[in-house]
Structures are given as C-alpha cells and as structure tokens.
PDB file of N, CA and C in Angstrom:
ATOM      1  N   MET A   1     154.019-184.264 -18.520  1.00  0.00           N
ATOM      2  CA  MET A   1     155.274-183.559 -18.655  1.00  0.00           C
ATOM      3  C   MET A   1     155.796-183.777 -20.077  1.00  0.00           C
ATOM      4  N   LYS A   2     156.238-182.674 -20.717  1.00  0.00           N
ATOM      5  CA  LYS A   2     156.763-182.745 -22.084  1.00  0.00           C
ATOM      6  C   LYS A   2     158.153-182.108 -22.136  1.00  0.00           C
ATOM      7  N   THR A   3     158.963-182.544 -23.070  1.00  0.00           N
ATOM      8  CA  THR A   3     160.275-181.951 -23.283  1.00  0.00           C
ATOM      9  C   THR A   3     160.120-180.483 -23.636  1.00  0.00           C
ATOM     10  N   GLY A   4     160.936-179.629 -23.018  1.00  0.00           N
ATOM     11  CA  GLY A   4     160.880-178.191 -23.255  1.00  0.00           C
ATOM     12  C   GLY A   4     159.980-177.446 -22.285  1.00  0.00           C
ATOM     13  N   MET A   5     159.180-178.174 -21.521  1.00  0.00           N
ATOM     14  CA  MET A   5     158.269-177.562 -20.552  1.00  0.00           C
ATOM     15  C   MET A   5     159.072-176.935 -19.404  1.00  0.00           C
ATOM     16  N   ARG A   6     158.631-175.754 -18.946  1.00  0.00           N
ATOM     17  CA  ARG A   6     159.267-175.095 -17.805  1.00  0.00           C
ATOM     18  C   ARG A   6     158.389-175.287 -16.583  1.00  0.00           C
ATOM     19  N   LEU A   7     159.021-175.716 -15.495  1.00  0.00           N
ATOM     20  CA  LEU A   7     158.319-175.942 -14.242  1.00  0.00           C
ATOM     21  C   LEU A   7     158.903-175.063 -13.150  1.00  0.00           C
ATOM     22  N   ALA A   8     158.044-174.616 -12.228  1.00  0.00           N
ATOM     23  CA  ALA A   8     158.470-173.759 -11.126  1.00  0.00           C
ATOM     24  C   ALA A   8     158.083-174.389  -9.800  1.00  0.00           C
ATOM     25  N   SER A   9     158.891-174.132  -8.793  1.00  0.00           N
ATOM     26  CA  SER A   9     158.633-174.635  -7.455  1.00  0.00           C
ATOM     27  C   SER A   9     157.661-173.709  -6.722  1.00  0.00           C
ATOM     28  N   VAL A  10     156.871-174.272  -5.810  1.00  0.00           N
ATOM     29  CA  VAL A  10     155.999-173.449  -4.972  1.00  0.00           C
ATOM     30  C   VAL A  10     156.600-173.266  -3.579  1.00  0.00           C
ATOM     31  N   THR A  11     157.780-173.892  -3.328  1.00  0.00           N
ATOM     32  CA  THR A  11     158.431-173.777  -2.027  1.00  0.00           C
ATOM     33  C   THR A  11     159.649-172.862  -2.046  1.00  0.00           C
ATOM     34  N   CYS A  12     160.163-172.556  -3.238  1.00  0.00           N
ATOM     35  CA  CYS A  12     161.344-171.694  -3.351  1.00  0.00           C
ATOM     36  C   CYS A  12     161.385-171.086  -4.753  1.00  0.00           C
ATOM     37  N   ALA A  13     162.508-170.496  -5.117  1.00  0.00           N
ATOM     38  CA  ALA A  13     162.633-169.802  -6.401  1.00  0.00           C
ATOM     39  C   ALA A  13     163.043-170.711  -7.560  1.00  0.00           C
ATOM     40  N   THR A  14     163.226-171.999  -7.327  1.00  0.00           N
ATOM     41  CA  THR A  14     163.705-172.936  -8.349  1.00  0.00           C
ATOM     42  C   THR A  14     162.785-173.003  -9.568  1.00  0.00           C
ATOM     43  N   GLU A  15     163.405-172.938 -10.752  1.00  0.00           N
ATOM     44  CA  GLU A  15     162.708-173.168 -12.020  1.00  0.00           C
ATOM     45  C   GLU A  15     163.581-174.089 -12.849  1.00  0.00           C
ATOM     46  N   VAL A  16     162.943-175.049 -13.527  1.00  0.00           N
ATOM     47  CA  VAL A  16     163.671-176.004 -14.362  1.00  0.00           C
ATOM     48  C   VAL A  16     163.011-176.126 -15.724  1.00  0.00           C
ATOM     49  N   MET A  17     163.795-176.607 -16.697  1.00  0.00           N
ATOM     50  CA  MET A  17     163.281-176.922 -18.019  1.00  0.00           C
ATOM     51  C   MET A  17     163.483-178.421 -18.228  1.00  0.00           C
ATOM     52  N   VAL A  18     162.452-179.097 -18.707  1.00  0.00           N
ATOM     53  CA  VAL A  18     162.518-180.545 -18.915  1.00  0.00           C
ATOM     54  C   VAL A  18     163.344-180.835 -20.162  1.00  0.00           C
ATOM     55  N   VAL A  19     164.405-181.634 -20.006  1.00  0.00           N
ATOM     56  CA  VAL A  19     165.278-182.015 -21.106  1.00  0.00           C
ATOM     57  C   VAL A  19     164.858-183.379 -21.649  1.00  0.00           C
ATOM     58  N   ARG A  20     164.541-184.313 -20.752  1.00  0.00           N
ATOM     59  CA  ARG A  20     164.078-185.650 -21.121  1.00  0.00           C
ATOM     60  C   ARG A  20     162.849-185.943 -20.263  1.00  0.00           C
ATOM     61  N   ALA A  21     161.708-186.097 -20.909  1.00  0.00           N
ATOM     62  CA  ALA A  21     160.445-186.249 -20.190  1.00  0.00           C
ATOM     63  C   ALA A  21     160.169-187.697 -19.801  1.00  0.00           C
ATOM     64  N   ALA A  22     159.361-187.860 -18.755  1.00  0.00           N
ATOM     65  CA  ALA A  22     158.871-189.161 -18.305  1.00  0.00           C
ATOM     66  C   ALA A  22     157.525-188.925 -17.642  1.00  0.00           C
ATOM     67  N   ASP A  23     156.784-189.979 -17.447  1.00  0.00           N
ATOM     68  CA  ASP A  23     155.454-189.870 -16.848  1.00  0.00           C
ATOM     69  C   ASP A  23     155.561-189.956 -15.327  1.00  0.00           C
ATOM     70  N   VAL A  24     156.128-188.900 -14.726  1.00  0.00           N
ATOM     71  CA  VAL A  24     156.302-188.812 -13.272  1.00  0.00           C
ATOM     72  C   VAL A  24     155.901-187.414 -12.805  1.00  0.00           C
ATOM     73  N   ALA A  25     155.694-187.282 -11.508  1.00  0.00           N
ATOM     74  CA  ALA A  25     155.383-185.975 -10.917  1.00  0.00           C
ATOM     75  C   ALA A  25     156.659-185.442 -10.274  1.00  0.00           C
ATOM     76  N   LEU A  26     157.208-184.377 -10.829  1.00  0.00           N
ATOM     77  CA  LEU A  26     158.434-183.772 -10.318  1.00  0.00           C
ATOM     78  C   LEU A  26     158.100-182.895  -9.118  1.00  0.00           C
ATOM     79  N   GLU A  27     158.909-183.004  -8.073  1.00  0.00           N
ATOM     80  CA  GLU A  27     158.705-182.226  -6.852  1.00  0.00           C
ATOM     81  C   GLU A  27     159.945-181.396  -6.559  1.00  0.00           C
ATOM     82  N   CYS A  28     159.751-180.330  -5.811  1.00  0.00           N
ATOM     83  CA  CYS A  28     160.869-179.512  -5.346  1.00  0.00           C
ATOM     84  C   CYS A  28     160.579-179.119  -3.906  1.00  0.00           C
ATOM     85  N   GLY A  29     161.484-179.453  -3.010  1.00  0.00           N
ATOM     86  CA  GLY A  29     161.281-179.143  -1.604  1.00  0.00           C
ATOM     87  C   GLY A  29     160.143-179.923  -0.984  1.00  0.00           C
ATOM     88  N   GLY A  30     159.751-181.040  -1.595  1.00  0.00           N
ATOM     89  CA  GLY A  30     158.698-181.885  -1.071  1.00  0.00           C
ATOM     90  C   GLY A  30     157.307-181.569  -1.589  1.00  0.00           C
ATOM     91  N   ALA A  31     157.169-180.538  -2.421  1.00  0.00           N
ATOM     92  CA  ALA A  31     155.862-180.159  -2.991  1.00  0.00           C
ATOM     93  C   ALA A  31     155.907-180.294  -4.509  1.00  0.00           C
ATOM     94  N   PRO A  32     154.792-180.691  -5.131  1.00  0.00           N
ATOM     95  CA  PRO A  32     154.767-180.817  -6.597  1.00  0.00           C
ATOM     96  C   PRO A  32     155.067-179.490  -7.286  1.00  0.00           C
ATOM     97  N   MET A  33     155.807-179.568  -8.393  1.00  0.00           N
ATOM     98  CA  MET A  33     156.121-178.369  -9.174  1.00  0.00           C
ATOM     99  C   MET A  33     154.947-178.063 -10.096  1.00  0.00           C
ATOM    100  N   VAL A  34     154.802-176.773 -10.460  1.00  0.00           N
ATOM    101  CA  VAL A  34     153.725-176.331 -11.344  1.00  0.00           C
ATOM    102  C   VAL A  34     154.329-175.730 -12.602  1.00  0.00           C
ATOM    103  N   GLU A  35     153.524-175.593 -13.646  1.00  0.00           N
ATOM    104  CA  GLU A  35     153.998-174.975 -14.873  1.00  0.00           C
ATOM    105  C   GLU A  35     154.407-173.535 -14.582  1.00  0.00           C
ATOM    106  N   ALA A  36     155.560-173.119 -15.101  1.00  0.00           N
ATOM    107  CA  ALA A  36     156.048-171.758 -14.888  1.00  0.00           C
ATOM    108  C   ALA A  36     155.057-170.771 -15.488  1.00  0.00           C
ATOM    109  N   GLY A  37     154.826-169.686 -14.789  1.00  0.00           N
ATOM    110  CA  GLY A  37     153.916-168.663 -15.270  1.00  0.00           C
ATOM    111  C   GLY A  37     152.515-168.777 -14.712  1.00  0.00           C
ATOM    112  N   THR A  38     152.212-169.884 -14.040  1.00  0.00           N
ATOM    113  CA  THR A  38     150.892-170.029 -13.427  1.00  0.00           C
ATOM    114  C   THR A  38     150.929-169.464 -12.015  1.00  0.00           C
ATOM    115  N   ASP A  39     149.810-168.945 -11.576  1.00  0.00           N
ATOM    116  CA  ASP A  39     149.720-168.409 -10.222  1.00  0.00           C
ATOM    117  C   ASP A  39     149.329-169.527  -9.273  1.00  0.00           C
ATOM    118  N   ALA A  40     150.327-170.057  -8.564  1.00  0.00           N
ATOM    119  CA  ALA A  40     150.072-171.124  -7.594  1.00  0.00           C
ATOM    120  C   ALA A  40     150.337-170.586  -6.196  1.00  0.00           C
ATOM    121  N   ALA A  41     149.556-171.034  -5.247  1.00  0.00           N
ATOM    122  CA  ALA A  41     149.721-170.591  -3.870  1.00  0.00           C
ATOM    123  C   ALA A  41     151.039-171.129  -3.314  1.00  0.00           C
ATOM    124  N   PRO A  42     151.832-170.273  -2.667  1.00  0.00           N
ATOM    125  CA  PRO A  42     153.091-170.735  -2.072  1.00  0.00           C
ATOM    126  C   PRO A  42     152.825-171.813  -1.023  1.00  0.00           C
ATOM    127  N   ALA A  43     153.679-172.831  -1.000  1.00  0.00           N
ATOM    128  CA  ALA A  43     153.505-173.944  -0.068  1.00  0.00           C
ATOM    129  C   ALA A  43     154.439-173.836   1.125  1.00  0.00           C
ATOM    130  N   GLY A  44     155.012-172.672   1.372  1.00  0.00           N
ATOM    131  CA  GLY A  44     155.925-172.507   2.498  1.00  0.00           C
ATOM    132  C   GLY A  44     157.353-172.856   2.124  1.00  0.00           C
ATOM    133  N   ALA A  45     158.146-173.153   3.139  1.00  0.00           N
ATOM    134  CA  ALA A  45     159.559-173.461   2.948  1.00  0.00           C
ATOM    135  C   ALA A  45     159.741-174.928   2.551  1.00  0.00           C
ATOM    136  N   PRO A  46     160.885-175.254   1.939  1.00  0.00           N
ATOM    137  CA  PRO A  46     161.155-176.651   1.588  1.00  0.00           C
ATOM    138  C   PRO A  46     161.156-177.546   2.822  1.00  0.00           C
ATOM    139  N   ALA A  47     160.719-178.783   2.654  1.00  0.00           N
ATOM    140  CA  ALA A  47     160.668-179.751   3.749  1.00  0.00           C
ATOM    141  C   ALA A  47     162.073-180.108   4.213  1.00  0.00           C
ATOM    142  N   SER A  48     162.192-180.456   5.478  1.00  0.00           N
ATOM    143  CA  SER A  48     163.468-180.872   6.049  1.00  0.00           C
ATOM    144  C   SER A  48     163.976-182.110   5.309  1.00  0.00           C
ATOM    145  N   GLY A  49     165.247-182.107   4.947  1.00  0.00           N
ATOM    146  CA  GLY A  49     165.821-183.207   4.183  1.00  0.00           C
ATOM    147  C   GLY A  49     165.730-182.992   2.681  1.00  0.00           C
ATOM    148  N   LEU A  50     164.839-182.096   2.248  1.00  0.00           N
ATOM    149  CA  LEU A  50     164.702-181.762   0.826  1.00  0.00           C
ATOM    150  C   LEU A  50     164.994-180.278   0.623  1.00  0.00           C
ATOM    151  N   ASP A  51     166.008-179.791   1.344  1.00  0.00           N
ATOM    152  CA  ASP A  51     166.346-178.369   1.301  1.00  0.00           C
ATOM    153  C   ASP A  51     167.816-178.121   0.971  1.00  0.00           C
ATOM    154  N   ALA A  52     168.414-179.008   0.161  1.00  0.00           N
ATOM    155  CA  ALA A  52     169.822-178.878  -0.208  1.00  0.00           C
ATOM    156  C   ALA A  52     170.038-177.864  -1.327  1.00  0.00           C
ATOM    157  N   GLY A  53     168.986-177.525  -2.066  1.00  0.00           N
ATOM    158  CA  GLY A  53     169.082-176.506  -3.101  1.00  0.00           C
ATOM    159  C   GLY A  53     169.413-177.043  -4.477  1.00  0.00           C
ATOM    160  N   THR A  54     169.275-176.149  -5.465  1.00  0.00           N
ATOM    161  CA  THR A  54     169.597-176.459  -6.857  1.00  0.00           C
ATOM    162  C   THR A  54     170.599-175.442  -7.358  1.00  0.00           C
ATOM    163  N   GLU A  55     171.388-175.819  -8.357  1.00  0.00           N
ATOM    164  CA  GLU A  55     172.421-174.944  -8.899  1.00  0.00           C
ATOM    165  C   GLU A  55     172.079-174.528 -10.325  1.00  0.00           C
ATOM    166  N   LEU A  56     172.276-173.263 -10.628  1.00  0.00           N
ATOM    167  CA  LEU A  56     171.997-172.706 -11.943  1.00  0.00           C
ATOM    168  C   LEU A  56     172.839-173.385 -13.019  1.00  0.00           C
ATOM    169  N   GLY A  57     172.192-173.788 -14.115  1.00  0.00           N
ATOM    170  CA  GLY A  57     172.891-174.364 -15.258  1.00  0.00           C
ATOM    171  C   GLY A  57     173.251-175.826 -15.110  1.00  0.00           C
ATOM    172  N   LYS A  58     172.879-176.458 -14.020  1.00  0.00           N
ATOM    173  CA  LYS A  58     173.204-177.866 -13.797  1.00  0.00           C
ATOM    174  C   LYS A  58     172.029-178.751 -14.207  1.00  0.00           C
ATOM    175  N   ARG A  59     172.353-179.965 -14.657  1.00  0.00           N
ATOM    176  CA  ARG A  59     171.331-180.943 -15.038  1.00  0.00           C
ATOM    177  C   ARG A  59     171.149-181.935 -13.897  1.00  0.00           C
ATOM    178  N   TYR A  60     169.898-182.319 -13.700  1.00  0.00           N
ATOM    179  CA  TYR A  60     169.550-183.288 -12.671  1.00  0.00           C
ATOM    180  C   TYR A  60     168.781-184.425 -13.329  1.00  0.00           C
ATOM    181  N   VAL A  61     169.048-185.659 -12.877  1.00  0.00           N
ATOM    182  CA  VAL A  61     168.420-186.835 -13.487  1.00  0.00           C
ATOM    183  C   VAL A  61     167.881-187.768 -12.410  1.00  0.00           C
ATOM    184  N   HIS A  62     166.767-188.431 -12.741  1.00  0.00           N
ATOM    185  CA  HIS A  62     166.203-189.478 -11.894  1.00  0.00           C
ATOM    186  C   HIS A  62     166.440-190.781 -12.636  1.00  0.00           C
ATOM    187  N   ALA A  63     167.344-191.599 -12.111  1.00  0.00           N
ATOM    188  CA  ALA A  63     167.791-192.807 -12.809  1.00  0.00           C
ATOM    189  C   ALA A  63     166.656-193.793 -13.091  1.00  0.00           C
ATOM    190  N   ALA A  64     165.752-193.988 -12.151  1.00  0.00           N
ATOM    191  CA  ALA A  64     164.693-194.985 -12.323  1.00  0.00           C
ATOM    192  C   ALA A  64     163.722-194.627 -13.443  1.00  0.00           C
ATOM    193  N   SER A  65     163.354-193.354 -13.556  1.00  0.00           N
ATOM    194  CA  SER A  65     162.368-192.954 -14.574  1.00  0.00           C
ATOM    195  C   SER A  65     163.010-192.404 -15.840  1.00  0.00           C
ATOM    196  N   GLY A  66     164.249-191.907 -15.728  1.00  0.00           N
ATOM    197  CA  GLY A  66     164.931-191.332 -16.882  1.00  0.00           C
ATOM    198  C   GLY A  66     164.654-189.861 -17.093  1.00  0.00           C
ATOM    199  N   VAL A  67     163.838-189.235 -16.228  1.00  0.00           N
ATOM    200  CA  VAL A  67     163.547-187.814 -16.381  1.00  0.00           C
ATOM    201  C   VAL A  67     164.827-187.007 -16.132  1.00  0.00           C
ATOM    202  N   GLN A  68     165.050-185.994 -16.956  1.00  0.00           N
ATOM    203  CA  GLN A  68     166.220-185.139 -16.823  1.00  0.00           C
ATOM    204  C   GLN A  68     165.778-183.689 -16.977  1.00  0.00           C
ATOM    205  N   VAL A  69     166.247-182.814 -16.072  1.00  0.00           N
ATOM    206  CA  VAL A  69     165.876-181.402 -16.107  1.00  0.00           C
ATOM    207  C   VAL A  69     167.123-180.530 -16.013  1.00  0.00           C
ATOM    208  N   LEU A  70     166.999-179.306 -16.506  1.00  0.00           N
ATOM    209  CA  LEU A  70     168.062-178.305 -16.454  1.00  0.00           C
ATOM    210  C   LEU A  70     167.580-177.169 -15.564  1.00  0.00           C
ATOM    211  N   CYS A  71     168.374-176.803 -14.566  1.00  0.00           N
ATOM    212  CA  CYS A  71     168.006-175.726 -13.653  1.00  0.00           C
ATOM    213  C   CYS A  71     168.241-174.378 -14.337  1.00  0.00           C
ATOM    214  N   VAL A  72     167.175-173.586 -14.515  1.00  0.00           N
ATOM    215  CA  VAL A  72     167.299-172.278 -15.151  1.00  0.00           C
ATOM    216  C   VAL A  72     167.189-171.140 -14.131  1.00  0.00           C
ATOM    217  N   LYS A  73     166.798-171.466 -12.899  1.00  0.00           N
ATOM    218  CA  LYS A  73     166.749-170.487 -11.817  1.00  0.00           C
ATOM    219  C   LYS A  73     166.964-171.249 -10.509  1.00  0.00           C
ATOM    220  N   PRO A  74     168.048-170.961  -9.774  1.00  0.00           N
ATOM    221  CA  PRO A  74     168.353-171.735  -8.566  1.00  0.00           C
ATOM    222  C   PRO A  74     167.419-171.395  -7.403  1.00  0.00           C
ATOM    223  N   GLY A  75     167.377-172.311  -6.446  1.00  0.00           N
ATOM    224  CA  GLY A  75     166.553-172.105  -5.265  1.00  0.00           C
ATOM    225  C   GLY A  75     167.013-172.998  -4.130  1.00  0.00           C
ATOM    226  N   ALA A  76     166.270-172.981  -3.027  1.00  0.00           N
ATOM    227  CA  ALA A  76     166.644-173.702  -1.809  1.00  0.00           C
ATOM    228  C   ALA A  76     166.133-175.141  -1.761  1.00  0.00           C
ATOM    229  N   GLY A  77     165.174-175.506  -2.603  1.00  0.00           N
ATOM    230  CA  GLY A  77     164.584-176.845  -2.554  1.00  0.00           C
ATOM    231  C   GLY A  77     165.375-177.876  -3.335  1.00  0.00           C
ATOM    232  N   THR A  78     165.230-179.146  -2.943  1.00  0.00           N
ATOM    233  CA  THR A  78     165.853-180.269  -3.644  1.00  0.00           C
ATOM    234  C   THR A  78     164.838-180.864  -4.613  1.00  0.00           C
ATOM    235  N   LEU A  79     165.256-181.123  -5.851  1.00  0.00           N
ATOM    236  CA  LEU A  79     164.389-181.752  -6.840  1.00  0.00           C
ATOM    237  C   LEU A  79     164.248-183.230  -6.515  1.00  0.00           C
ATOM    238  N   SER A  80     163.024-183.757  -6.639  1.00  0.00           N
ATOM    239  CA  SER A  80     162.795-185.162  -6.320  1.00  0.00           C
ATOM    240  C   SER A  80     161.617-185.719  -7.116  1.00  0.00           C
ATOM    241  N   VAL A  81     161.536-187.057  -7.138  1.00  0.00           N
ATOM    242  CA  VAL A  81     160.403-187.793  -7.707  1.00  0.00           C
ATOM    243  C   VAL A  81     159.970-188.774  -6.626  1.00  0.00           C
ATOM    244  N   ALA A  82     158.741-188.654  -6.162  1.00  0.00           N
ATOM    245  CA  ALA A  82     158.194-189.504  -5.103  1.00  0.00           C
ATOM    246  C   ALA A  82     159.097-189.523  -3.866  1.00  0.00           C
ATOM    247  N   GLY A  83     159.654-188.362  -3.527  1.00  0.00           N
ATOM    248  CA  GLY A  83     160.495-188.247  -2.343  1.00  0.00           C
ATOM    249  C   GLY A  83     161.935-188.680  -2.541  1.00  0.00           C
ATOM    250  N   GLU A  84     162.274-189.220  -3.709  1.00  0.00           N
ATOM    251  CA  GLU A  84     163.637-189.654  -4.008  1.00  0.00           C
ATOM    252  C   GLU A  84     164.376-188.533  -4.741  1.00  0.00           C
ATOM    253  N   PRO A  85     165.420-187.959  -4.121  1.00  0.00           N
ATOM    254  CA  PRO A  85     166.133-186.825  -4.739  1.00  0.00           C
ATOM    255  C   PRO A  85     166.753-187.176  -6.089  1.00  0.00           C
ATOM    256  N   LEU A  86     166.741-186.194  -7.002  1.00  0.00           N
ATOM    257  CA  LEU A  86     167.394-186.355  -8.296  1.00  0.00           C
ATOM    258  C   LEU A  86     168.897-186.186  -8.110  1.00  0.00           C
ATOM    259  N   GLU A  87     169.667-186.833  -8.977  1.00  0.00           N
ATOM    260  CA  GLU A  87     171.121-186.760  -8.906  1.00  0.00           C
ATOM    261  C   GLU A  87     171.648-185.687  -9.844  1.00  0.00           C
ATOM    262  N   LEU A  88     172.694-185.000  -9.402  1.00  0.00           N
ATOM    263  CA  LEU A  88     173.363-184.004 -10.229  1.00  0.00           C
ATOM    264  C   LEU A  88     174.181-184.735 -11.282  1.00  0.00           C
ATOM    265  N   VAL A  89     174.028-184.345 -12.553  1.00  0.00           N
ATOM    266  CA  VAL A  89     174.775-184.967 -13.642  1.00  0.00           C
ATOM    267  C   VAL A  89     176.152-184.318 -13.702  1.00  0.00           C
ATOM    268  N   ALA A  90     177.187-185.143 -13.630  1.00  0.00           N
ATOM    269  CA  ALA A  90     178.556-184.642 -13.693  1.00  0.00           C
ATOM    270  C   ALA A  90     178.872-184.160 -15.104  1.00  0.00           C
ATOM    271  N   SER A  91     179.580-183.046 -15.196  1.00  0.00           N
ATOM    272  CA  SER A  91     179.947-182.536 -16.516  1.00  0.00           C
ATOM    273  C   SER A  91     181.066-183.392 -17.112  1.00  0.00           C
ATOM    274  N   LYS A  92     181.052-183.497 -18.438  1.00  0.00           N
ATOM    275  CA  LYS A  92     182.041-184.310 -19.132  1.00  0.00           C
ATOM    276  C   LYS A  92     183.341-183.522 -19.260  1.00  0.00           C
ATOM    277  N   GLN A  93     184.435-184.204 -19.029  1.00  0.00           N
ATOM    278  CA  GLN A  93     185.753-183.599 -19.143  1.00  0.00           C
ATOM    279  C   GLN A  93     186.117-183.465 -20.627  1.00  0.00           C
ATOM    280  N   LEU A  94     186.446-182.278 -21.059  1.00  0.00           N
ATOM    281  CA  LEU A  94     186.853-182.066 -22.445  1.00  0.00           C
ATOM    282  C   LEU A  94     188.340-182.384 -22.595  1.00  0.00           C
ATOM    283  N   PRO A  95     188.719-182.895 -23.744  1.00  0.00           N
ATOM    284  CA  PRO A  95     190.144-183.189 -23.945  1.00  0.00           C
ATOM    285  C   PRO A  95     190.967-181.907 -24.027  1.00  0.00           C
ATOM    286  N   SER A  96     192.183-181.986 -23.565  1.00  0.00           N
ATOM    287  CA  SER A  96     193.044-180.808 -23.632  1.00  0.00           C
ATOM    288  C   SER A  96     193.466-180.564 -25.082  1.00  0.00           C
ATOM    289  N   SER A  97     193.761-179.329 -25.404  1.00  0.00           N
ATOM    290  CA  SER A  97     194.117-178.976 -26.775  1.00  0.00           C
ATOM    291  C   SER A  97     195.575-178.534 -26.834  1.00  0.00           C
ATOM    292  N   ASP A  98     196.457-179.436 -26.448  1.00  0.00           N
ATOM    293  CA  ASP A  98     197.890-179.104 -26.437  1.00  0.00           C
ATOM    294  C   ASP A  98     198.437-178.878 -27.797  1.00  0.00           C
TER     295      ASP A  98
END
C-alpha cells in the first residue's frame, strides 16, 4: 500500500484513497480491498457487523497501524484492518471570525 493509491471494495461501492500508508491489508465489509480500476469478482454483500457503511469525504484511521484513508465514494461496508473497524476522524473546529 502506498500513499495516493486508490482502493475499491468488492462487497459494495466504497472507494478510498490512502492518505497515510502502512504495511497492512485494508478490508471493507470483511473482504480485502483491491486496487481501483481492476476487474475483481464481487464477493457478495458486506459481512454482518461490518455493514455500517462509509461516508463521502470523511477520513478513517486505524490507530494501531497508523493507516489513514479518505472516502472518495461511499458504500455499505465498514472499513477494517484484520477485522478491527477503522475509526472516523473528527473534523477540527475552526475558530470563529467575529
């Protein structure tokens, strides 16, 4: 996995771009993600418990490995590493401009 790489899910429509790379296998809906643009056989629907979905424009991080991705196309699957779901990164509050 390299920074800037685009990955696609085989269980739903989710696509992400790697913001911070790590040596891990990223999964979506319980199935490994593949490089976007490759013809991969669909793996069916997301697994139970890994079907919370992804949100467009949101960043997700795996604290243990440090991998961080940006969702560029939302879907029904949950992003995970070794079955452990990634956390949604909270947006930073901007100061008011009174």
